[in-house]
Amino acid sequence: MSHELKADSGWRIWWQLTRPHTLTASFVPVFLGTMIAISYTDIHWPLFLAMLVASMLIQAATNMFNEYYDFTRGLDNEKSVGIGGAIVRNGVQPKTVMQLALLLYAVSIILGIYICIETTWLLAVVGAVSMAIGYFYTGGPYPIAYTPFGEIFSGVFMGMLIVLIAFYIQTGEITTLALLLSIPSMLLVAAIMLSNNIRDLVGDKASGRKTMAILIGRKRAVNVLLALFVISYIWILILVILNLVTPWVLLVILSAKKPVHAIQVFKTKEHPLEVMPAMKDTALTNTLFGFLLGIGLLIGYLL
C-alpha cells in the first residue's frame, strides 16, 4: 500500500492550508449557541454571520500559525500527514503563510469590533484571549499544542466558549442551560485535537512533544477518545431525562456511526495515513452532533 502524499495546485493550495476538516470546530459551536438562544430572543442574523465568519477565520489562522511554526521548528516535511502542506509540498514561502494568518486575524478583529459595538466591549477581552490562545497554541516559546493541555485549551476556548459567546451576543446573558448544552461541544472539539495527537504520536514523540497521547500511551489515549464520545451522547440523554431540553435533541443519535467507526479504525490501524479516516470521522462527529443538536432545539422551539 502506498503512503505517498501529493502536492496540490491552484486554489487547492490555499484551501488545504486552512485545514478544512478542522473548520467544523469553529462554525458548529456558533450555530449551536445561536439555536440555544432562539427560545430566548429573536435572532440578530447579522451578528450571527459576523460571529460565524470571525470564528472560522480565527480557526483558519490558527492552522496557518501551526503550519508556519511546525515548519520553522523542523517538525514538518513533505511526508507529514494532516498538514496543509503549502510550505513543504507546494513551495509557498513561510513568510506568506504567516502574513495570510495575520490578515485573517485582522479581518476577524474588524468583525469583532462590529460585534462589540452591537453588544458589549467586554467581549473584546474575551476575543483577545481567544486569539492569543490560537496563536500560542503552536507559536511562542512554549506552544500549548506540545503539552498535555492542548485538548483542554482547544475544548474550552474553541468549543464551550464559542457556544457561550454566540449565545451571549443574542441574549445578553449566560444561562445554566446554555452552559450545560456547551459541554458536548467542549468534549468533541477536544476529541478532534486528541485524535490528531493519536495519529501523530510517533512523530510528535520523536520531536520532543509531551502531548497527552504520548504521556498516557496510544491505547489509553484511544480509550480517552472513546470516553469523550460516550459522555457527549450520555450528557444529552441525561438532559432529556431531566426534562431540561426537548426530546428532539436525541436526533444526535443519528451521528453515532461516525465515532464508532473512528474508534474501530484507531484500534486496528496505526499508520498516520491509514488512520486519517478516523481523524475525519472525529471531526464529522463534532459537525453532525452539533448540527443535529441545534436542529433538535429548533424543532422543539417551533413545536
C-alpha atoms as a PDB file:
ATOM      1  CA  MET A   1       0.000   0.000   0.000  1.00  0.00           C
ATOM      2  CA  SER A   2       1.433   3.417  -0.999  1.00  0.00           C
ATOM      3  CA  HIS A   3       1.696   6.197   1.570  1.00  0.00           C
ATOM      4  CA  GLU A   4       2.715   8.919  -0.901  1.00  0.00           C
ATOM      5  CA  LEU A   5       1.420  12.461  -0.392  1.00  0.00           C
ATOM      6  CA  LYS A   6       0.931  14.586  -3.492  1.00  0.00           C
ATOM      7  CA  ALA A   7       1.346  18.331  -3.877  1.00  0.00           C
ATOM      8  CA  ASP A   8      -1.724  20.489  -4.503  1.00  0.00           C
ATOM      9  CA  SER A   9      -2.116  23.139  -7.170  1.00  0.00           C
ATOM     10  CA  GLY A  10      -4.065  26.338  -7.762  1.00  0.00           C
ATOM     11  CA  TRP A  11      -6.758  27.248  -5.264  1.00  0.00           C
ATOM     12  CA  ARG A  12      -6.388  23.865  -3.562  1.00  0.00           C
ATOM     13  CA  ILE A  13      -3.079  25.020  -2.059  1.00  0.00           C
ATOM     14  CA  TRP A  14      -4.819  27.782  -0.113  1.00  0.00           C
ATOM     15  CA  TRP A  15      -7.903  25.714   0.662  1.00  0.00           C
ATOM     16  CA  GLN A  16      -5.818  22.890   2.152  1.00  0.00           C
ATOM     17  CA  LEU A  17      -3.784  25.449   4.097  1.00  0.00           C
ATOM     18  CA  THR A  18      -6.910  26.250   6.135  1.00  0.00           C
ATOM     19  CA  ARG A  19      -7.157  22.506   7.002  1.00  0.00           C
ATOM     20  CA  PRO A  20     -10.873  22.464   6.122  1.00  0.00           C
ATOM     21  CA  HIS A  21     -11.618  19.292   8.117  1.00  0.00           C
ATOM     22  CA  THR A  22     -10.910  21.289  11.316  1.00  0.00           C
ATOM     23  CA  LEU A  23     -13.164  24.256  10.495  1.00  0.00           C
ATOM     24  CA  THR A  24     -16.178  22.414  11.900  1.00  0.00           C
ATOM     25  CA  ALA A  25     -14.661  23.172  15.299  1.00  0.00           C
ATOM     26  CA  SER A  26     -15.456  26.840  14.691  1.00  0.00           C
ATOM     27  CA  PHE A  27     -18.761  27.093  12.841  1.00  0.00           C
ATOM     28  CA  VAL A  28     -20.695  24.334  14.639  1.00  0.00           C
ATOM     29  CA  PRO A  29     -20.384  25.946  18.115  1.00  0.00           C
ATOM     30  CA  VAL A  30     -21.619  29.265  16.670  1.00  0.00           C
ATOM     31  CA  PHE A  31     -24.640  27.538  15.128  1.00  0.00           C
ATOM     32  CA  LEU A  32     -25.351  25.643  18.351  1.00  0.00           C
ATOM     33  CA  GLY A  33     -25.095  28.723  20.560  1.00  0.00           C
ATOM     34  CA  THR A  34     -27.492  30.560  18.269  1.00  0.00           C
ATOM     35  CA  MET A  35     -30.010  27.710  18.263  1.00  0.00           C
ATOM     36  CA  ILE A  36     -29.918  27.626  22.081  1.00  0.00           C
ATOM     37  CA  ALA A  37     -30.668  31.358  22.049  1.00  0.00           C
ATOM     38  CA  ILE A  38     -33.612  31.038  19.682  1.00  0.00           C
ATOM     39  CA  SER A  39     -36.017  30.154  22.516  1.00  0.00           C
ATOM     40  CA  TYR A  40     -34.900  33.230  24.477  1.00  0.00           C
ATOM     41  CA  THR A  41     -34.984  36.012  21.891  1.00  0.00           C
ATOM     42  CA  ASP A  42     -35.334  36.966  18.236  1.00  0.00           C
ATOM     43  CA  ILE A  43     -32.095  36.145  16.423  1.00  0.00           C
ATOM     44  CA  HIS A  44     -29.950  39.052  15.240  1.00  0.00           C
ATOM     45  CA  TRP A  45     -28.777  37.474  11.991  1.00  0.00           C
ATOM     46  CA  PRO A  46     -26.016  39.990  11.097  1.00  0.00           C
ATOM     47  CA  LEU A  47     -24.438  39.280  14.500  1.00  0.00           C
ATOM     48  CA  PHE A  48     -24.728  35.566  13.857  1.00  0.00           C
ATOM     49  CA  LEU A  49     -22.989  35.875  10.480  1.00  0.00           C
ATOM     50  CA  ALA A  50     -20.251  38.127  11.891  1.00  0.00           C
ATOM     51  CA  MET A  51     -19.567  35.667  14.703  1.00  0.00           C
ATOM     52  CA  LEU A  52     -19.611  32.730  12.291  1.00  0.00           C
ATOM     53  CA  VAL A  53     -17.125  34.262   9.863  1.00  0.00           C
ATOM     54  CA  ALA A  54     -14.849  35.587  12.613  1.00  0.00           C
ATOM     55  CA  SER A  55     -14.683  32.185  14.303  1.00  0.00           C
ATOM     56  CA  MET A  56     -13.822  30.408  11.058  1.00  0.00           C
ATOM     57  CA  LEU A  57     -11.156  32.976  10.213  1.00  0.00           C
ATOM     58  CA  ILE A  58      -9.541  32.579  13.642  1.00  0.00           C
ATOM     59  CA  GLN A  59      -9.574  28.796  13.249  1.00  0.00           C
ATOM     60  CA  ALA A  60      -8.026  29.003   9.776  1.00  0.00           C
ATOM     61  CA  ALA A  61      -5.390  31.455  11.022  1.00  0.00           C
ATOM     62  CA  THR A  62      -4.587  29.149  13.943  1.00  0.00           C
ATOM     63  CA  ASN A  63      -3.998  26.331  11.460  1.00  0.00           C
ATOM     64  CA  MET A  64      -1.659  28.581   9.477  1.00  0.00           C
ATOM     65  CA  PHE A  65       0.313  29.509  12.600  1.00  0.00           C
ATOM     66  CA  ASN A  66       0.609  25.761  13.175  1.00  0.00           C
ATOM     67  CA  GLU A  67       1.887  25.267   9.637  1.00  0.00           C
ATOM     68  CA  TYR A  68       4.403  28.094   9.975  1.00  0.00           C
ATOM     69  CA  TYR A  69       5.841  27.190  13.372  1.00  0.00           C
ATOM     70  CA  ASP A  70       5.983  23.444  12.799  1.00  0.00           C
ATOM     71  CA  PHE A  71       7.973  24.144   9.636  1.00  0.00           C
ATOM     72  CA  THR A  72      10.333  26.667  11.228  1.00  0.00           C
ATOM     73  CA  ARG A  73      10.981  24.219  14.070  1.00  0.00           C
ATOM     74  CA  GLY A  74      11.793  21.494  11.560  1.00  0.00           C
ATOM     75  CA  LEU A  75       8.831  19.300  12.527  1.00  0.00           C
ATOM     76  CA  ASP A  76       7.109  19.179   9.118  1.00  0.00           C
ATOM     77  CA  ASN A  77       8.375  17.685   5.877  1.00  0.00           C
ATOM     78  CA  GLU A  78       6.843  16.695   2.530  1.00  0.00           C
ATOM     79  CA  LYS A  79       5.687  13.375   4.037  1.00  0.00           C
ATOM     80  CA  SER A  80       3.922  14.900   7.050  1.00  0.00           C
ATOM     81  CA  VAL A  81       0.253  13.910   7.329  1.00  0.00           C
ATOM     82  CA  GLY A  82      -2.558  16.183   8.455  1.00  0.00           C
ATOM     83  CA  ILE A  83      -0.924  19.456   7.434  1.00  0.00           C
ATOM     84  CA  GLY A  84      -1.903  21.872   4.682  1.00  0.00           C
ATOM     85  CA  GLY A  85       1.454  21.248   3.020  1.00  0.00           C
ATOM     86  CA  ALA A  86       1.629  24.717   1.493  1.00  0.00           C
ATOM     87  CA  ILE A  87       5.237  25.188   2.613  1.00  0.00           C
ATOM     88  CA  VAL A  88       6.825  21.736   2.431  1.00  0.00           C
ATOM     89  CA  ARG A  89       4.953  20.323  -0.573  1.00  0.00           C
ATOM     90  CA  ASN A  90       3.704  23.298  -2.551  1.00  0.00           C
ATOM     91  CA  GLY A  91       6.607  25.734  -2.244  1.00  0.00           C
ATOM     92  CA  VAL A  92       4.743  28.608  -0.554  1.00  0.00           C
ATOM     93  CA  GLN A  93       7.099  30.873   1.367  1.00  0.00           C
ATOM     94  CA  PRO A  94       6.743  30.604   5.178  1.00  0.00           C
ATOM     95  CA  LYS A  95       6.536  34.406   5.370  1.00  0.00           C
ATOM     96  CA  THR A  96       3.491  34.315   3.081  1.00  0.00           C
ATOM     97  CA  VAL A  97       1.719  31.807   5.335  1.00  0.00           C
ATOM     98  CA  MET A  98       2.358  33.995   8.395  1.00  0.00           C
ATOM     99  CA  GLN A  99       1.178  37.137   6.581  1.00  0.00           C
ATOM    100  CA  LEU A 100      -2.014  35.399   5.462  1.00  0.00           C
ATOM    101  CA  ALA A 101      -2.697  34.219   9.034  1.00  0.00           C
ATOM    102  CA  LEU A 102      -2.246  37.764  10.348  1.00  0.00           C
ATOM    103  CA  LEU A 103      -4.539  39.087   7.594  1.00  0.00           C
ATOM    104  CA  LEU A 104      -7.266  36.663   8.679  1.00  0.00           C
ATOM    105  CA  TYR A 105      -6.772  37.823  12.262  1.00  0.00           C
ATOM    106  CA  ALA A 106      -7.107  41.452  11.131  1.00  0.00           C
ATOM    107  CA  VAL A 107     -10.414  40.754   9.368  1.00  0.00           C
ATOM    108  CA  SER A 108     -11.698  38.872  12.430  1.00  0.00           C
ATOM    109  CA  ILE A 109     -10.782  41.876  14.602  1.00  0.00           C
ATOM    110  CA  ILE A 110     -12.873  44.140  12.365  1.00  0.00           C
ATOM    111  CA  LEU A 111     -15.798  41.748  12.697  1.00  0.00           C
ATOM    112  CA  GLY A 112     -15.175  41.613  16.448  1.00  0.00           C
ATOM    113  CA  ILE A 113     -15.378  45.410  16.681  1.00  0.00           C
ATOM    114  CA  TYR A 114     -18.785  45.278  14.987  1.00  0.00           C
ATOM    115  CA  ILE A 115     -19.939  42.606  17.451  1.00  0.00           C
ATOM    116  CA  CYS A 116     -18.721  44.690  20.403  1.00  0.00           C
ATOM    117  CA  ILE A 117     -20.475  47.823  19.121  1.00  0.00           C
ATOM    118  CA  GLU A 118     -23.739  45.890  18.912  1.00  0.00           C
ATOM    119  CA  THR A 119     -23.306  44.155  22.291  1.00  0.00           C
ATOM    120  CA  THR A 120     -20.580  44.962  24.847  1.00  0.00           C
ATOM    121  CA  TRP A 121     -16.884  45.825  24.738  1.00  0.00           C
ATOM    122  CA  LEU A 122     -16.247  43.193  27.403  1.00  0.00           C
ATOM    123  CA  LEU A 123     -16.294  40.717  24.525  1.00  0.00           C
ATOM    124  CA  ALA A 124     -13.168  42.415  23.190  1.00  0.00           C
ATOM    125  CA  VAL A 125     -11.248  40.996  26.157  1.00  0.00           C
ATOM    126  CA  VAL A 126     -12.692  37.525  25.583  1.00  0.00           C
ATOM    127  CA  GLY A 127     -11.922  37.731  21.871  1.00  0.00           C
ATOM    128  CA  ALA A 128      -8.361  38.914  22.503  1.00  0.00           C
ATOM    129  CA  VAL A 129      -7.732  36.000  24.869  1.00  0.00           C
ATOM    130  CA  SER A 130      -9.163  33.529  22.355  1.00  0.00           C
ATOM    131  CA  MET A 131      -6.981  34.919  19.573  1.00  0.00           C
ATOM    132  CA  ALA A 132      -3.934  34.769  21.845  1.00  0.00           C
ATOM    133  CA  ILE A 133      -4.688  31.116  22.585  1.00  0.00           C
ATOM    134  CA  GLY A 134      -4.971  30.500  18.838  1.00  0.00           C
ATOM    135  CA  TYR A 135      -1.510  31.970  18.304  1.00  0.00           C
ATOM    136  CA  PHE A 136       0.216  30.414  21.289  1.00  0.00           C
ATOM    137  CA  TYR A 137      -1.306  27.018  20.528  1.00  0.00           C
ATOM    138  CA  THR A 138       1.709  26.420  18.293  1.00  0.00           C
ATOM    139  CA  GLY A 139       3.526  29.783  18.475  1.00  0.00           C
ATOM    140  CA  GLY A 140       5.753  31.293  21.129  1.00  0.00           C
ATOM    141  CA  PRO A 141       8.484  29.631  23.189  1.00  0.00           C
ATOM    142  CA  TYR A 142       6.140  27.160  24.932  1.00  0.00           C
ATOM    143  CA  PRO A 143       3.437  26.068  22.442  1.00  0.00           C
ATOM    144  CA  ILE A 144       0.275  24.715  24.090  1.00  0.00           C
ATOM    145  CA  ALA A 145      -0.013  22.007  21.418  1.00  0.00           C
ATOM    146  CA  TYR A 146       3.270  20.495  22.574  1.00  0.00           C
ATOM    147  CA  THR A 147       1.976  19.981  26.127  1.00  0.00           C
ATOM    148  CA  PRO A 148      -0.625  17.651  27.727  1.00  0.00           C
ATOM    149  CA  PHE A 149      -3.043  20.590  27.872  1.00  0.00           C
ATOM    150  CA  GLY A 150      -3.816  21.016  24.171  1.00  0.00           C
ATOM    151  CA  GLU A 151      -7.147  19.188  24.389  1.00  0.00           C
ATOM    152  CA  ILE A 152      -8.250  21.215  27.427  1.00  0.00           C
ATOM    153  CA  PHE A 153      -7.438  24.588  25.869  1.00  0.00           C
ATOM    154  CA  SER A 154      -8.973  23.733  22.494  1.00  0.00           C
ATOM    155  CA  GLY A 155     -12.095  22.255  24.080  1.00  0.00           C
ATOM    156  CA  VAL A 156     -12.721  25.218  26.380  1.00  0.00           C
ATOM    157  CA  PHE A 157     -11.788  28.068  24.031  1.00  0.00           C
ATOM    158  CA  MET A 158     -12.825  26.616  20.658  1.00  0.00           C
ATOM    159  CA  GLY A 159     -15.781  24.567  21.863  1.00  0.00           C
ATOM    160  CA  MET A 160     -17.525  25.751  25.008  1.00  0.00           C
ATOM    161  CA  LEU A 161     -16.545  29.438  24.834  1.00  0.00           C
ATOM    162  CA  ILE A 162     -17.673  29.910  21.234  1.00  0.00           C
ATOM    163  CA  VAL A 163     -21.080  28.397  22.056  1.00  0.00           C
ATOM    164  CA  LEU A 164     -21.465  30.727  25.037  1.00  0.00           C
ATOM    165  CA  ILE A 165     -20.336  33.831  23.131  1.00  0.00           C
ATOM    166  CA  ALA A 166     -22.723  33.027  20.272  1.00  0.00           C
ATOM    167  CA  PHE A 167     -25.493  32.665  22.861  1.00  0.00           C
ATOM    168  CA  TYR A 168     -24.493  35.816  24.739  1.00  0.00           C
ATOM    169  CA  ILE A 169     -24.412  38.146  21.730  1.00  0.00           C
ATOM    170  CA  GLN A 170     -28.032  37.207  21.060  1.00  0.00           C
ATOM    171  CA  THR A 171     -29.404  37.231  24.611  1.00  0.00           C
ATOM    172  CA  GLY A 172     -27.063  39.408  26.681  1.00  0.00           C
ATOM    173  CA  GLU A 173     -26.730  36.684  29.337  1.00  0.00           C
ATOM    174  CA  ILE A 174     -25.304  33.242  30.046  1.00  0.00           C
ATOM    175  CA  THR A 175     -27.852  30.756  31.395  1.00  0.00           C
ATOM    176  CA  THR A 176     -27.326  27.444  33.149  1.00  0.00           C
ATOM    177  CA  LEU A 177     -28.943  25.619  30.225  1.00  0.00           C
ATOM    178  CA  ALA A 178     -26.592  27.278  27.719  1.00  0.00           C
ATOM    179  CA  LEU A 179     -23.651  26.221  29.869  1.00  0.00           C
ATOM    180  CA  LEU A 180     -24.919  22.631  30.095  1.00  0.00           C
ATOM    181  CA  LEU A 181     -25.504  22.404  26.351  1.00  0.00           C
ATOM    182  CA  SER A 182     -21.994  23.707  25.639  1.00  0.00           C
ATOM    183  CA  ILE A 183     -20.368  20.740  27.427  1.00  0.00           C
ATOM    184  CA  PRO A 184     -20.626  18.271  24.494  1.00  0.00           C
ATOM    185  CA  SER A 185     -19.142  20.896  22.177  1.00  0.00           C
ATOM    186  CA  MET A 186     -16.194  21.233  24.531  1.00  0.00           C
ATOM    187  CA  LEU A 187     -15.704  17.469  24.663  1.00  0.00           C
ATOM    188  CA  LEU A 188     -15.984  16.917  20.910  1.00  0.00           C
ATOM    189  CA  VAL A 189     -13.616  19.736  19.977  1.00  0.00           C
ATOM    190  CA  ALA A 190     -11.160  18.269  22.477  1.00  0.00           C
ATOM    191  CA  ALA A 191     -11.731  14.925  20.744  1.00  0.00           C
ATOM    192  CA  ILE A 192     -10.654  16.430  17.409  1.00  0.00           C
ATOM    193  CA  MET A 193      -7.366  17.542  18.940  1.00  0.00           C
ATOM    194  CA  LEU A 194      -6.878  14.220  20.712  1.00  0.00           C
ATOM    195  CA  SER A 195      -7.468  12.248  17.520  1.00  0.00           C
ATOM    196  CA  ASN A 196      -4.893  14.450  15.808  1.00  0.00           C
ATOM    197  CA  ASN A 197      -2.372  13.712  18.567  1.00  0.00           C
ATOM    198  CA  ILE A 198      -3.087   9.976  18.443  1.00  0.00           C
ATOM    199  CA  ARG A 199      -2.440   9.996  14.704  1.00  0.00           C
ATOM    200  CA  ASP A 200       0.808  11.945  15.108  1.00  0.00           C
ATOM    201  CA  LEU A 201       2.002  10.195  18.273  1.00  0.00           C
ATOM    202  CA  VAL A 202       5.182   8.670  16.858  1.00  0.00           C
ATOM    203  CA  GLY A 203       6.329  11.807  15.061  1.00  0.00           C
ATOM    204  CA  ASP A 204       5.405  14.064  17.986  1.00  0.00           C
ATOM    205  CA  LYS A 205       7.331  11.876  20.400  1.00  0.00           C
ATOM    206  CA  ALA A 206      10.410  11.961  18.180  1.00  0.00           C
ATOM    207  CA  SER A 207      10.237  15.768  18.037  1.00  0.00           C
ATOM    208  CA  GLY A 208      10.111  16.082  21.811  1.00  0.00           C
ATOM    209  CA  ARG A 209       6.470  16.964  22.291  1.00  0.00           C
ATOM    210  CA  LYS A 210       4.702  15.952  25.518  1.00  0.00           C
ATOM    211  CA  THR A 211       1.083  15.592  24.403  1.00  0.00           C
ATOM    212  CA  MET A 212      -1.402  13.668  26.495  1.00  0.00           C
ATOM    213  CA  ALA A 213      -1.426  10.852  23.916  1.00  0.00           C
ATOM    214  CA  ILE A 214       2.332  10.470  24.359  1.00  0.00           C
ATOM    215  CA  LEU A 215       2.245  10.589  28.160  1.00  0.00           C
ATOM    216  CA  ILE A 216      -0.537   8.030  28.655  1.00  0.00           C
ATOM    217  CA  GLY A 217       0.217   5.864  25.618  1.00  0.00           C
ATOM    218  CA  ARG A 218      -1.736   5.166  22.449  1.00  0.00           C
ATOM    219  CA  LYS A 219      -4.118   2.549  23.854  1.00  0.00           C
ATOM    220  CA  ARG A 220      -5.188   4.717  26.793  1.00  0.00           C
ATOM    221  CA  ALA A 221      -5.474   7.753  24.518  1.00  0.00           C
ATOM    222  CA  VAL A 222      -7.904   5.881  22.263  1.00  0.00           C
ATOM    223  CA  ASN A 223      -9.905   4.925  25.363  1.00  0.00           C
ATOM    224  CA  VAL A 224      -9.997   8.585  26.438  1.00  0.00           C
ATOM    225  CA  LEU A 225     -11.247   9.464  22.957  1.00  0.00           C
ATOM    226  CA  LEU A 226     -13.961   6.827  23.331  1.00  0.00           C
ATOM    227  CA  ALA A 227     -14.913   8.296  26.710  1.00  0.00           C
ATOM    228  CA  LEU A 228     -15.254  11.791  25.197  1.00  0.00           C
ATOM    229  CA  PHE A 229     -17.650  10.391  22.598  1.00  0.00           C
ATOM    230  CA  VAL A 230     -19.699   8.356  25.079  1.00  0.00           C
ATOM    231  CA  ILE A 231     -20.011  11.152  27.643  1.00  0.00           C
ATOM    232  CA  SER A 232     -21.199  13.588  24.955  1.00  0.00           C
ATOM    233  CA  TYR A 233     -24.116  11.347  23.965  1.00  0.00           C
ATOM    234  CA  ILE A 234     -24.990  10.341  27.531  1.00  0.00           C
ATOM    235  CA  TRP A 235     -24.884  14.001  28.573  1.00  0.00           C
ATOM    236  CA  ILE A 236     -27.654  14.888  26.127  1.00  0.00           C
ATOM    237  CA  LEU A 237     -29.687  11.856  27.183  1.00  0.00           C
ATOM    238  CA  ILE A 238     -29.478  12.954  30.830  1.00  0.00           C
ATOM    239  CA  LEU A 239     -30.644  16.475  29.941  1.00  0.00           C
ATOM    240  CA  VAL A 240     -33.666  14.951  28.195  1.00  0.00           C
ATOM    241  CA  ILE A 241     -34.418  12.626  31.140  1.00  0.00           C
ATOM    242  CA  LEU A 242     -34.250  15.625  33.494  1.00  0.00           C
ATOM    243  CA  ASN A 243     -36.711  17.404  31.178  1.00  0.00           C
ATOM    244  CA  LEU A 244     -34.294  20.290  30.673  1.00  0.00           C
ATOM    245  CA  VAL A 245     -34.417  20.071  26.892  1.00  0.00           C
ATOM    246  CA  THR A 246     -36.780  18.805  24.225  1.00  0.00           C
ATOM    247  CA  PRO A 247     -36.571  15.092  23.327  1.00  0.00           C
ATOM    248  CA  TRP A 248     -35.922  16.248  19.764  1.00  0.00           C
ATOM    249  CA  VAL A 249     -32.265  16.743  20.697  1.00  0.00           C
ATOM    250  CA  LEU A 250     -31.947  12.954  20.674  1.00  0.00           C
ATOM    251  CA  LEU A 251     -31.521  13.429  16.933  1.00  0.00           C
ATOM    252  CA  VAL A 252     -27.812  13.468  17.837  1.00  0.00           C
ATOM    253  CA  ILE A 253     -28.006   9.663  17.936  1.00  0.00           C
ATOM    254  CA  LEU A 254     -28.096   9.759  14.123  1.00  0.00           C
ATOM    255  CA  SER A 255     -24.428  10.800  14.192  1.00  0.00           C
ATOM    256  CA  ALA A 256     -23.285   7.860  16.347  1.00  0.00           C
ATOM    257  CA  LYS A 257     -21.978   5.828  13.412  1.00  0.00           C
ATOM    258  CA  LYS A 258     -19.075   8.251  12.905  1.00  0.00           C
ATOM    259  CA  PRO A 259     -17.442   7.936  16.353  1.00  0.00           C
ATOM    260  CA  VAL A 260     -17.954   4.154  16.323  1.00  0.00           C
ATOM    261  CA  HIS A 261     -16.046   3.944  13.048  1.00  0.00           C
ATOM    262  CA  ALA A 262     -13.350   6.326  14.302  1.00  0.00           C
ATOM    263  CA  ILE A 263     -12.645   4.158  17.337  1.00  0.00           C
ATOM    264  CA  GLN A 264     -12.618   0.990  15.224  1.00  0.00           C
ATOM    265  CA  VAL A 265     -10.011   2.491  12.893  1.00  0.00           C
ATOM    266  CA  PHE A 266      -7.815   3.764  15.715  1.00  0.00           C
ATOM    267  CA  LYS A 267      -7.895   0.336  17.370  1.00  0.00           C
ATOM    268  CA  THR A 268      -6.959  -1.588  14.226  1.00  0.00           C
ATOM    269  CA  LYS A 269      -4.596   0.764  12.363  1.00  0.00           C
ATOM    270  CA  GLU A 270      -1.647   2.930  13.349  1.00  0.00           C
ATOM    271  CA  HIS A 271      -0.001   4.441  10.267  1.00  0.00           C
ATOM    272  CA  PRO A 272      -0.887   8.173  10.036  1.00  0.00           C
ATOM    273  CA  LEU A 273      -2.368   7.897   6.541  1.00  0.00           C
ATOM    274  CA  GLU A 274      -4.362   4.782   7.459  1.00  0.00           C
ATOM    275  CA  VAL A 275      -5.963   6.496  10.455  1.00  0.00           C
ATOM    276  CA  MET A 276      -6.849   9.677   8.559  1.00  0.00           C
ATOM    277  CA  PRO A 277     -10.435   8.382   8.079  1.00  0.00           C
ATOM    278  CA  ALA A 278     -10.718   8.172  11.887  1.00  0.00           C
ATOM    279  CA  MET A 279      -9.499  11.744  12.194  1.00  0.00           C
ATOM    280  CA  LYS A 280     -12.078  12.869   9.639  1.00  0.00           C
ATOM    281  CA  ASP A 281     -14.855  10.894  11.350  1.00  0.00           C
ATOM    282  CA  THR A 282     -13.976  12.563  14.642  1.00  0.00           C
ATOM    283  CA  ALA A 283     -14.329  15.981  13.028  1.00  0.00           C
ATOM    284  CA  LEU A 284     -17.577  14.864  11.383  1.00  0.00           C
ATOM    285  CA  THR A 285     -18.861  13.693  14.768  1.00  0.00           C
ATOM    286  CA  ASN A 286     -18.450  17.238  16.066  1.00  0.00           C
ATOM    287  CA  THR A 287     -20.146  18.627  12.958  1.00  0.00           C
ATOM    288  CA  LEU A 288     -23.102  16.263  12.869  1.00  0.00           C
ATOM    289  CA  PHE A 289     -23.611  16.154  16.641  1.00  0.00           C
ATOM    290  CA  GLY A 290     -23.643  19.953  16.969  1.00  0.00           C
ATOM    291  CA  PHE A 291     -25.810  20.422  13.889  1.00  0.00           C
ATOM    292  CA  LEU A 292     -28.352  17.782  14.951  1.00  0.00           C
ATOM    293  CA  LEU A 293     -28.415  19.145  18.494  1.00  0.00           C
ATOM    294  CA  GLY A 294     -29.116  22.621  17.159  1.00  0.00           C
ATOM    295  CA  ILE A 295     -31.787  21.325  14.765  1.00  0.00           C
ATOM    296  CA  GLY A 296     -33.397  19.384  17.630  1.00  0.00           C
ATOM    297  CA  LEU A 297     -33.556  22.556  19.738  1.00  0.00           C
ATOM    298  CA  LEU A 298     -35.041  24.462  16.795  1.00  0.00           C
ATOM    299  CA  ILE A 299     -37.715  21.796  16.152  1.00  0.00           C
ATOM    300  CA  GLY A 300     -38.577  21.733  19.869  1.00  0.00           C
ATOM    301  CA  TYR A 301     -38.956  25.518  19.848  1.00  0.00           C
ATOM    302  CA  LEU A 302     -41.123  25.570  16.714  1.00  0.00           C
ATOM    303  CA  LEU A 303     -43.398  22.825  18.018  1.00  0.00           C
END
